[in-house]
Amino acid sequence: MPNTVPNTTTKEILDAKESNSKNRSYVDYGFHFGGSKLDNSEEIRKVRDRVASTKIFLNMSTGDMLVEEEKVLENLFKESKIISVHAEEEMVDKAIDLARKFRKPLYLCHLSKKSEVEKLRAAKRGIKNIWRSSSTSLIFRFKYGKLVTYNEARAKKQRG
């Protein structure tokens, strides 16, 4: 993921990470490039054919990776080849709308709410290339020997 230290938001940092990984891995691998609130769309243009996706954080992240400004989001989506997003609740709608607007493949990462999955299902009727991940390692954790949901408050609210 691009939200490592340092954040993978420039071609130079991607080059360094690729160089560091070369001849050290026994499996195939790829890198995700990070969208930045500083509008690194020019950097995305340089690397978009070399990376698995551009990952854009719409709800939370570290450093300069949380992107909230509309024009910056549009630039990042426009210059990316494939987009992965960390989006929750209303930001799922935002990501779907931008993918539709710029006709880009979209990967919704870490969906954990029923309403978010329903939004994805509705969008799949109009967008061919839209996917999701729901990792049980993110949704469930053990606490005091008992299996609990990752976000107990959210889960209680969801259950009603």
N, C-alpha and C. Protein backbone atom coordinates (compact mmCIF):
# COMPACT_ATOMS: atom_id res chain seq x y z
N MET A 1 0.84 -1.18 0.00
CA MET A 1 0.00 0.00 0.00
C MET A 1 0.88 1.25 0.00
N PRO A 2 0.37 2.33 -0.51
CA PRO A 2 1.20 3.53 -0.63
C PRO A 2 1.36 4.33 0.65
N ASN A 3 0.57 4.05 1.68
CA ASN A 3 0.65 4.83 2.92
C ASN A 3 1.69 4.25 3.87
N THR A 4 2.84 3.95 3.30
CA THR A 4 3.99 3.47 4.07
C THR A 4 4.94 4.65 4.28
N VAL A 5 6.03 4.43 4.96
CA VAL A 5 7.01 5.49 5.17
C VAL A 5 8.23 5.19 4.30
N PRO A 6 8.52 6.08 3.36
CA PRO A 6 7.77 7.28 2.99
C PRO A 6 6.56 6.92 2.12
N ASN A 7 5.57 7.81 2.09
CA ASN A 7 4.40 7.60 1.24
C ASN A 7 4.83 7.47 -0.21
N THR A 8 4.22 6.54 -0.93
CA THR A 8 4.55 6.33 -2.34
C THR A 8 3.69 7.27 -3.18
N THR A 9 4.16 8.52 -3.29
CA THR A 9 3.40 9.55 -4.00
C THR A 9 4.22 10.27 -5.07
N THR A 10 5.46 9.83 -5.27
CA THR A 10 6.28 10.40 -6.35
C THR A 10 6.95 9.25 -7.11
N LYS A 11 7.31 9.54 -8.35
CA LYS A 11 8.01 8.55 -9.17
C LYS A 11 9.32 8.13 -8.51
N GLU A 12 10.03 9.08 -7.93
CA GLU A 12 11.32 8.78 -7.31
C GLU A 12 11.16 7.80 -6.14
N ILE A 13 10.14 7.99 -5.34
CA ILE A 13 9.92 7.08 -4.21
C ILE A 13 9.52 5.70 -4.72
N LEU A 14 8.68 5.65 -5.75
CA LEU A 14 8.31 4.36 -6.34
C LEU A 14 9.55 3.66 -6.90
N ASP A 15 10.40 4.41 -7.61
CA ASP A 15 11.65 3.83 -8.15
C ASP A 15 12.49 3.22 -7.03
N ALA A 16 12.61 3.93 -5.92
CA ALA A 16 13.42 3.44 -4.79
C ALA A 16 12.81 2.18 -4.19
N LYS A 17 11.50 2.14 -4.05
CA LYS A 17 10.85 0.96 -3.49
C LYS A 17 10.98 -0.23 -4.42
N GLU A 18 10.85 0.00 -5.72
CA GLU A 18 11.03 -1.09 -6.68
C GLU A 18 12.47 -1.59 -6.66
N SER A 19 13.43 -0.69 -6.59
CA SER A 19 14.83 -1.07 -6.54
C SER A 19 15.14 -1.87 -5.27
N ASN A 20 14.57 -1.46 -4.17
CA ASN A 20 14.77 -2.14 -2.90
C ASN A 20 14.19 -3.56 -2.91
N SER A 21 13.12 -3.75 -3.67
CA SER A 21 12.43 -5.05 -3.70
C SER A 21 13.01 -6.01 -4.73
N LYS A 22 13.68 -5.47 -5.72
CA LYS A 22 14.22 -6.29 -6.80
C LYS A 22 15.20 -7.34 -6.27
N ASN A 23 15.04 -8.56 -6.73
CA ASN A 23 15.89 -9.70 -6.35
C ASN A 23 15.78 -10.08 -4.87
N ARG A 24 14.75 -9.58 -4.16
CA ARG A 24 14.57 -9.92 -2.76
C ARG A 24 13.28 -10.70 -2.52
N SER A 25 12.43 -10.74 -3.52
CA SER A 25 11.13 -11.38 -3.35
C SER A 25 11.09 -12.70 -4.11
N TYR A 26 10.43 -13.68 -3.52
CA TYR A 26 10.28 -14.97 -4.17
C TYR A 26 8.90 -15.10 -4.84
N VAL A 27 8.10 -14.07 -4.77
CA VAL A 27 6.77 -14.08 -5.37
C VAL A 27 6.60 -12.85 -6.25
N ASP A 28 5.61 -12.91 -7.13
CA ASP A 28 5.28 -11.73 -7.92
C ASP A 28 4.67 -10.68 -6.99
N TYR A 29 4.90 -9.45 -7.28
CA TYR A 29 4.35 -8.38 -6.46
C TYR A 29 4.14 -7.15 -7.32
N GLY A 30 3.39 -6.23 -6.80
CA GLY A 30 3.17 -4.95 -7.47
C GLY A 30 3.02 -3.88 -6.42
N PHE A 31 3.06 -2.66 -6.86
CA PHE A 31 2.94 -1.53 -5.95
C PHE A 31 1.70 -0.71 -6.29
N HIS A 32 1.08 -0.18 -5.26
CA HIS A 32 0.01 0.78 -5.43
C HIS A 32 0.62 2.16 -5.22
N PHE A 33 0.23 3.10 -6.04
CA PHE A 33 0.71 4.47 -5.95
C PHE A 33 -0.32 5.27 -5.19
N GLY A 34 0.11 6.24 -4.42
CA GLY A 34 -0.82 7.01 -3.61
C GLY A 34 -1.20 8.34 -4.20
N GLY A 35 -2.50 8.63 -4.16
CA GLY A 35 -2.96 9.97 -4.49
C GLY A 35 -2.70 10.88 -3.31
N SER A 36 -2.39 12.13 -3.57
CA SER A 36 -2.05 13.06 -2.49
C SER A 36 -2.93 14.30 -2.55
N LYS A 37 -3.22 14.86 -1.37
CA LYS A 37 -3.98 16.10 -1.31
C LYS A 37 -3.21 17.25 -1.93
N LEU A 38 -1.93 17.05 -2.16
CA LEU A 38 -1.10 18.06 -2.81
C LEU A 38 -1.22 18.00 -4.34
N ASP A 39 -2.13 17.17 -4.84
CA ASP A 39 -2.41 16.97 -6.26
C ASP A 39 -1.16 16.50 -7.02
N ASN A 40 -0.86 15.23 -6.85
CA ASN A 40 0.28 14.63 -7.55
C ASN A 40 -0.16 13.94 -8.85
N SER A 41 -1.14 14.52 -9.52
CA SER A 41 -1.63 13.92 -10.77
C SER A 41 -0.56 13.85 -11.85
N GLU A 42 0.38 14.77 -11.86
CA GLU A 42 1.50 14.71 -12.82
C GLU A 42 2.37 13.48 -12.54
N GLU A 43 2.57 13.18 -11.27
CA GLU A 43 3.36 12.00 -10.89
C GLU A 43 2.60 10.73 -11.29
N ILE A 44 1.29 10.73 -11.10
CA ILE A 44 0.47 9.57 -11.48
C ILE A 44 0.61 9.30 -12.96
N ARG A 45 0.58 10.35 -13.77
CA ARG A 45 0.71 10.20 -15.22
C ARG A 45 2.03 9.48 -15.58
N LYS A 46 3.09 9.75 -14.83
CA LYS A 46 4.41 9.16 -15.10
C LYS A 46 4.46 7.66 -14.79
N VAL A 47 3.65 7.20 -13.82
CA VAL A 47 3.80 5.83 -13.32
C VAL A 47 2.57 4.95 -13.52
N ARG A 48 1.49 5.48 -14.05
CA ARG A 48 0.21 4.75 -14.07
C ARG A 48 0.26 3.41 -14.78
N ASP A 49 1.19 3.23 -15.71
CA ASP A 49 1.30 1.93 -16.39
C ASP A 49 2.21 0.96 -15.64
N ARG A 50 2.83 1.40 -14.56
CA ARG A 50 3.74 0.56 -13.79
C ARG A 50 3.16 0.06 -12.47
N VAL A 51 2.03 0.61 -12.06
CA VAL A 51 1.49 0.29 -10.74
C VAL A 51 0.18 -0.48 -10.84
N ALA A 52 -0.14 -1.18 -9.76
CA ALA A 52 -1.39 -1.94 -9.71
C ALA A 52 -2.59 -1.00 -9.73
N SER A 53 -2.49 0.11 -9.03
CA SER A 53 -3.56 1.10 -9.01
C SER A 53 -3.04 2.37 -8.35
N THR A 54 -3.86 3.41 -8.44
CA THR A 54 -3.65 4.59 -7.62
C THR A 54 -4.62 4.46 -6.46
N LYS A 55 -4.11 4.45 -5.24
CA LYS A 55 -4.99 4.35 -4.07
C LYS A 55 -5.23 5.74 -3.53
N ILE A 56 -6.52 6.04 -3.36
CA ILE A 56 -6.93 7.34 -2.88
C ILE A 56 -7.70 7.14 -1.58
N PHE A 57 -7.29 7.87 -0.57
CA PHE A 57 -7.92 7.78 0.75
C PHE A 57 -8.94 8.91 0.88
N LEU A 58 -10.21 8.54 1.02
CA LEU A 58 -11.28 9.53 1.09
C LEU A 58 -11.80 9.76 2.50
N ASN A 59 -11.46 8.91 3.44
CA ASN A 59 -11.96 9.08 4.80
C ASN A 59 -10.88 9.31 5.84
N MET A 60 -9.79 8.58 5.74
CA MET A 60 -8.74 8.73 6.73
C MET A 60 -7.43 8.21 6.16
N SER A 61 -6.35 8.81 6.59
CA SER A 61 -5.02 8.33 6.24
C SER A 61 -3.99 9.17 6.98
N THR A 62 -2.74 8.94 6.62
CA THR A 62 -1.64 9.64 7.28
C THR A 62 -1.00 10.61 6.30
N GLY A 63 -0.27 11.55 6.83
CA GLY A 63 0.48 12.47 5.99
C GLY A 63 -0.42 13.26 5.05
N ASP A 64 -0.01 13.32 3.79
CA ASP A 64 -0.74 14.10 2.78
C ASP A 64 -1.70 13.24 1.97
N MET A 65 -2.05 12.08 2.46
CA MET A 65 -2.80 11.13 1.63
C MET A 65 -4.31 11.23 1.75
N LEU A 66 -4.85 11.93 2.72
CA LEU A 66 -6.29 12.13 2.80
C LEU A 66 -6.67 13.23 1.82
N VAL A 67 -7.46 12.89 0.82
CA VAL A 67 -7.81 13.84 -0.24
C VAL A 67 -9.27 14.25 -0.06
N GLU A 68 -9.48 15.54 0.14
CA GLU A 68 -10.83 16.05 0.38
C GLU A 68 -11.28 17.08 -0.65
N GLU A 69 -10.36 17.76 -1.29
CA GLU A 69 -10.71 18.82 -2.24
C GLU A 69 -11.20 18.23 -3.56
N GLU A 70 -12.35 18.68 -4.01
CA GLU A 70 -13.02 18.15 -5.20
C GLU A 70 -12.14 18.21 -6.45
N LYS A 71 -11.52 19.34 -6.71
CA LYS A 71 -10.69 19.49 -7.93
C LYS A 71 -9.51 18.53 -7.90
N VAL A 72 -8.90 18.36 -6.75
CA VAL A 72 -7.78 17.43 -6.62
C VAL A 72 -8.26 16.00 -6.88
N LEU A 73 -9.39 15.63 -6.29
CA LEU A 73 -9.95 14.29 -6.53
C LEU A 73 -10.19 14.06 -8.02
N GLU A 74 -10.77 15.03 -8.68
CA GLU A 74 -11.02 14.89 -10.11
C GLU A 74 -9.73 14.71 -10.89
N ASN A 75 -8.70 15.48 -10.57
CA ASN A 75 -7.41 15.34 -11.25
C ASN A 75 -6.80 13.96 -11.03
N LEU A 76 -6.88 13.45 -9.80
CA LEU A 76 -6.31 12.14 -9.48
C LEU A 76 -7.06 11.04 -10.24
N PHE A 77 -8.38 11.09 -10.25
CA PHE A 77 -9.17 10.10 -10.97
C PHE A 77 -8.88 10.18 -12.47
N LYS A 78 -8.83 11.39 -13.00
CA LYS A 78 -8.63 11.58 -14.43
C LYS A 78 -7.30 10.99 -14.90
N GLU A 79 -6.24 11.15 -14.14
CA GLU A 79 -4.91 10.70 -14.56
C GLU A 79 -4.60 9.24 -14.23
N SER A 80 -5.41 8.61 -13.39
CA SER A 80 -5.15 7.23 -12.98
C SER A 80 -5.67 6.24 -14.01
N LYS A 81 -5.06 5.07 -14.02
CA LYS A 81 -5.52 3.99 -14.91
C LYS A 81 -6.56 3.13 -14.20
N ILE A 82 -6.25 2.69 -13.00
CA ILE A 82 -7.14 1.93 -12.12
C ILE A 82 -7.09 2.62 -10.77
N ILE A 83 -8.25 2.77 -10.13
CA ILE A 83 -8.30 3.47 -8.85
C ILE A 83 -8.76 2.51 -7.76
N SER A 84 -8.04 2.53 -6.65
CA SER A 84 -8.47 1.86 -5.42
C SER A 84 -8.77 2.96 -4.42
N VAL A 85 -9.84 2.81 -3.68
CA VAL A 85 -10.16 3.84 -2.69
C VAL A 85 -10.42 3.23 -1.33
N HIS A 86 -10.01 3.98 -0.32
CA HIS A 86 -10.47 3.70 1.04
C HIS A 86 -11.59 4.70 1.23
N ALA A 87 -12.82 4.20 1.21
CA ALA A 87 -13.99 5.07 1.32
C ALA A 87 -15.02 4.41 2.21
N GLU A 88 -15.66 5.20 3.03
CA GLU A 88 -16.71 4.71 3.91
C GLU A 88 -17.94 5.60 3.75
N GLU A 89 -19.10 4.99 3.93
CA GLU A 89 -20.39 5.66 3.94
C GLU A 89 -20.57 6.56 2.71
N GLU A 90 -20.78 7.88 2.89
CA GLU A 90 -21.09 8.74 1.75
C GLU A 90 -19.93 8.87 0.77
N MET A 91 -18.73 8.59 1.23
CA MET A 91 -17.58 8.68 0.32
C MET A 91 -17.56 7.52 -0.68
N VAL A 92 -18.26 6.44 -0.38
CA VAL A 92 -18.43 5.36 -1.36
C VAL A 92 -19.17 5.91 -2.56
N ASP A 93 -20.24 6.69 -2.30
CA ASP A 93 -20.98 7.33 -3.39
C ASP A 93 -20.08 8.25 -4.20
N LYS A 94 -19.26 9.03 -3.52
CA LYS A 94 -18.35 9.97 -4.19
C LYS A 94 -17.40 9.22 -5.12
N ALA A 95 -16.82 8.13 -4.63
CA ALA A 95 -15.88 7.34 -5.45
C ALA A 95 -16.59 6.76 -6.67
N ILE A 96 -17.78 6.23 -6.47
CA ILE A 96 -18.54 5.65 -7.59
C ILE A 96 -18.87 6.72 -8.62
N ASP A 97 -19.29 7.89 -8.15
CA ASP A 97 -19.63 8.98 -9.07
C ASP A 97 -18.41 9.41 -9.89
N LEU A 98 -17.25 9.52 -9.25
CA LEU A 98 -16.04 9.92 -9.98
C LEU A 98 -15.59 8.84 -10.96
N ALA A 99 -15.70 7.58 -10.57
CA ALA A 99 -15.34 6.49 -11.49
C ALA A 99 -16.25 6.51 -12.71
N ARG A 100 -17.52 6.75 -12.47
CA ARG A 100 -18.48 6.84 -13.58
C ARG A 100 -18.15 8.04 -14.47
N LYS A 101 -17.89 9.18 -13.86
CA LYS A 101 -17.62 10.41 -14.61
C LYS A 101 -16.40 10.27 -15.52
N PHE A 102 -15.34 9.66 -14.98
CA PHE A 102 -14.09 9.55 -15.75
C PHE A 102 -13.91 8.18 -16.40
N ARG A 103 -14.92 7.31 -16.27
CA ARG A 103 -14.91 5.98 -16.88
C ARG A 103 -13.66 5.20 -16.50
N LYS A 104 -13.45 5.09 -15.20
CA LYS A 104 -12.27 4.41 -14.67
C LYS A 104 -12.67 3.17 -13.89
N PRO A 105 -11.88 2.10 -13.97
CA PRO A 105 -12.10 0.94 -13.10
C PRO A 105 -11.90 1.36 -11.64
N LEU A 106 -12.74 0.82 -10.76
CA LEU A 106 -12.71 1.22 -9.35
C LEU A 106 -12.71 0.00 -8.46
N TYR A 107 -11.85 0.03 -7.46
CA TYR A 107 -11.76 -1.02 -6.46
C TYR A 107 -12.04 -0.39 -5.10
N LEU A 108 -13.16 -0.76 -4.49
CA LEU A 108 -13.52 -0.24 -3.17
C LEU A 108 -12.91 -1.16 -2.11
N CYS A 109 -11.98 -0.63 -1.36
CA CYS A 109 -11.24 -1.44 -0.38
C CYS A 109 -11.92 -1.42 0.99
N HIS A 110 -11.92 -2.57 1.64
CA HIS A 110 -12.30 -2.71 3.05
C HIS A 110 -13.76 -2.35 3.36
N LEU A 111 -14.68 -2.60 2.45
CA LEU A 111 -16.08 -2.32 2.77
C LEU A 111 -16.49 -3.20 3.95
N SER A 112 -17.21 -2.60 4.88
CA SER A 112 -17.59 -3.37 6.07
C SER A 112 -19.05 -3.18 6.47
N LYS A 113 -19.77 -2.30 5.80
CA LYS A 113 -21.17 -2.06 6.15
C LYS A 113 -22.09 -2.60 5.06
N LYS A 114 -23.21 -3.09 5.48
CA LYS A 114 -24.21 -3.59 4.55
C LYS A 114 -24.61 -2.50 3.55
N SER A 115 -24.80 -1.28 4.01
CA SER A 115 -25.22 -0.18 3.13
C SER A 115 -24.16 0.11 2.06
N GLU A 116 -22.88 -0.05 2.40
CA GLU A 116 -21.82 0.19 1.42
C GLU A 116 -21.83 -0.89 0.34
N VAL A 117 -22.05 -2.13 0.74
CA VAL A 117 -22.13 -3.22 -0.22
C VAL A 117 -23.34 -3.05 -1.12
N GLU A 118 -24.45 -2.56 -0.56
CA GLU A 118 -25.64 -2.31 -1.38
C GLU A 118 -25.38 -1.22 -2.41
N LYS A 119 -24.62 -0.19 -2.04
CA LYS A 119 -24.25 0.86 -2.99
C LYS A 119 -23.41 0.27 -4.12
N LEU A 120 -22.50 -0.61 -3.77
CA LEU A 120 -21.67 -1.27 -4.78
C LEU A 120 -22.54 -2.09 -5.74
N ARG A 121 -23.46 -2.87 -5.18
CA ARG A 121 -24.32 -3.70 -6.03
C ARG A 121 -25.14 -2.85 -6.99
N ALA A 122 -25.66 -1.75 -6.52
CA ALA A 122 -26.43 -0.85 -7.38
C ALA A 122 -25.54 -0.26 -8.48
N ALA A 123 -24.32 0.11 -8.12
CA ALA A 123 -23.39 0.69 -9.09
C ALA A 123 -22.97 -0.31 -10.15
N LYS A 124 -22.86 -1.58 -9.78
CA LYS A 124 -22.43 -2.61 -10.74
C LYS A 124 -23.41 -2.76 -11.90
N ARG A 125 -24.64 -2.32 -11.71
CA ARG A 125 -25.61 -2.36 -12.81
C ARG A 125 -25.25 -1.35 -13.90
N GLY A 126 -24.49 -0.31 -13.55
CA GLY A 126 -24.15 0.71 -14.52
C GLY A 126 -22.66 0.82 -14.84
N ILE A 127 -21.82 0.25 -13.98
CA ILE A 127 -20.36 0.31 -14.17
C ILE A 127 -19.84 -1.12 -14.25
N LYS A 128 -19.21 -1.43 -15.35
CA LYS A 128 -18.72 -2.80 -15.54
C LYS A 128 -17.55 -3.13 -14.62
N ASN A 129 -16.59 -2.24 -14.53
CA ASN A 129 -15.35 -2.52 -13.80
C ASN A 129 -15.34 -1.89 -12.42
N ILE A 130 -16.09 -2.48 -11.51
CA ILE A 130 -16.10 -2.03 -10.12
C ILE A 130 -16.06 -3.27 -9.24
N TRP A 131 -15.15 -3.26 -8.25
CA TRP A 131 -14.97 -4.41 -7.38
C TRP A 131 -14.87 -3.94 -5.94
N ARG A 132 -14.80 -4.90 -5.02
CA ARG A 132 -14.67 -4.58 -3.60
C ARG A 132 -13.84 -5.64 -2.90
N SER A 133 -13.38 -5.27 -1.73
CA SER A 133 -12.77 -6.25 -0.84
C SER A 133 -13.44 -6.11 0.52
N SER A 134 -13.61 -7.21 1.18
CA SER A 134 -14.10 -7.22 2.56
C SER A 134 -13.28 -8.26 3.29
N SER A 135 -12.25 -7.82 3.93
CA SER A 135 -11.33 -8.72 4.60
C SER A 135 -11.81 -9.03 6.01
N THR A 136 -12.00 -10.31 6.28
CA THR A 136 -12.41 -10.67 7.64
C THR A 136 -11.34 -10.30 8.66
N SER A 137 -10.09 -10.20 8.24
CA SER A 137 -9.06 -9.79 9.19
C SER A 137 -9.25 -8.33 9.59
N LEU A 138 -9.94 -7.54 8.76
CA LEU A 138 -10.22 -6.16 9.12
C LEU A 138 -11.54 -6.03 9.89
N ILE A 139 -12.46 -6.91 9.62
CA ILE A 139 -13.77 -6.80 10.23
C ILE A 139 -13.82 -7.44 11.62
N PHE A 140 -13.09 -8.53 11.81
CA PHE A 140 -13.15 -9.24 13.08
C PHE A 140 -11.81 -9.21 13.80
N ARG A 141 -11.89 -9.12 15.11
CA ARG A 141 -10.71 -9.19 15.97
C ARG A 141 -11.10 -9.95 17.23
N PHE A 142 -10.11 -10.45 17.92
CA PHE A 142 -10.37 -11.09 19.20
C PHE A 142 -10.05 -10.09 20.31
N LYS A 143 -10.96 -9.99 21.26
CA LYS A 143 -10.79 -9.10 22.39
C LYS A 143 -11.12 -9.88 23.65
N TYR A 144 -10.16 -9.99 24.52
CA TYR A 144 -10.34 -10.73 25.76
C TYR A 144 -10.83 -12.15 25.50
N GLY A 145 -10.31 -12.77 24.46
CA GLY A 145 -10.67 -14.14 24.12
C GLY A 145 -11.99 -14.30 23.41
N LYS A 146 -12.66 -13.19 23.13
CA LYS A 146 -13.97 -13.23 22.49
C LYS A 146 -13.88 -12.57 21.11
N LEU A 147 -14.50 -13.20 20.11
CA LEU A 147 -14.52 -12.63 18.77
C LEU A 147 -15.46 -11.43 18.75
N VAL A 148 -14.96 -10.28 18.32
CA VAL A 148 -15.78 -9.08 18.23
C VAL A 148 -15.56 -8.44 16.86
N THR A 149 -16.50 -7.60 16.47
CA THR A 149 -16.33 -6.91 15.20
C THR A 149 -15.26 -5.84 15.35
N TYR A 150 -14.68 -5.47 14.24
CA TYR A 150 -13.58 -4.50 14.22
C TYR A 150 -14.02 -3.16 14.82
N ASN A 151 -15.18 -2.72 14.46
CA ASN A 151 -15.69 -1.47 14.99
C ASN A 151 -16.98 -1.78 15.74
N GLU A 152 -16.88 -2.02 17.02
CA GLU A 152 -18.04 -2.45 17.81
C GLU A 152 -19.17 -1.44 17.78
N ALA A 153 -18.86 -0.16 17.87
CA ALA A 153 -19.91 0.86 17.86
C ALA A 153 -20.65 0.85 16.54
N ARG A 154 -19.91 0.75 15.44
CA ARG A 154 -20.54 0.72 14.13
C ARG A 154 -21.40 -0.53 13.99
N ALA A 155 -20.91 -1.65 14.46
CA ALA A 155 -21.65 -2.91 14.34
C ALA A 155 -22.94 -2.86 15.14
N LYS A 156 -22.90 -2.31 16.35
CA LYS A 156 -24.11 -2.20 17.17
C LYS A 156 -25.14 -1.31 16.49
N LYS A 157 -24.68 -0.19 15.92
CA LYS A 157 -25.57 0.72 15.21
C LYS A 157 -26.17 0.03 13.98
N GLN A 158 -25.37 -0.74 13.26
CA GLN A 158 -25.82 -1.45 12.07
C GLN A 158 -26.87 -2.49 12.41
N ARG A 159 -26.69 -3.19 13.54
CA ARG A 159 -27.64 -4.21 13.95
C ARG A 159 -28.95 -3.61 14.46
N GLY A 160 -28.89 -2.33 14.86
CA GLY A 160 -30.09 -1.65 15.33
C GLY A 160 -30.22 -1.80 16.76
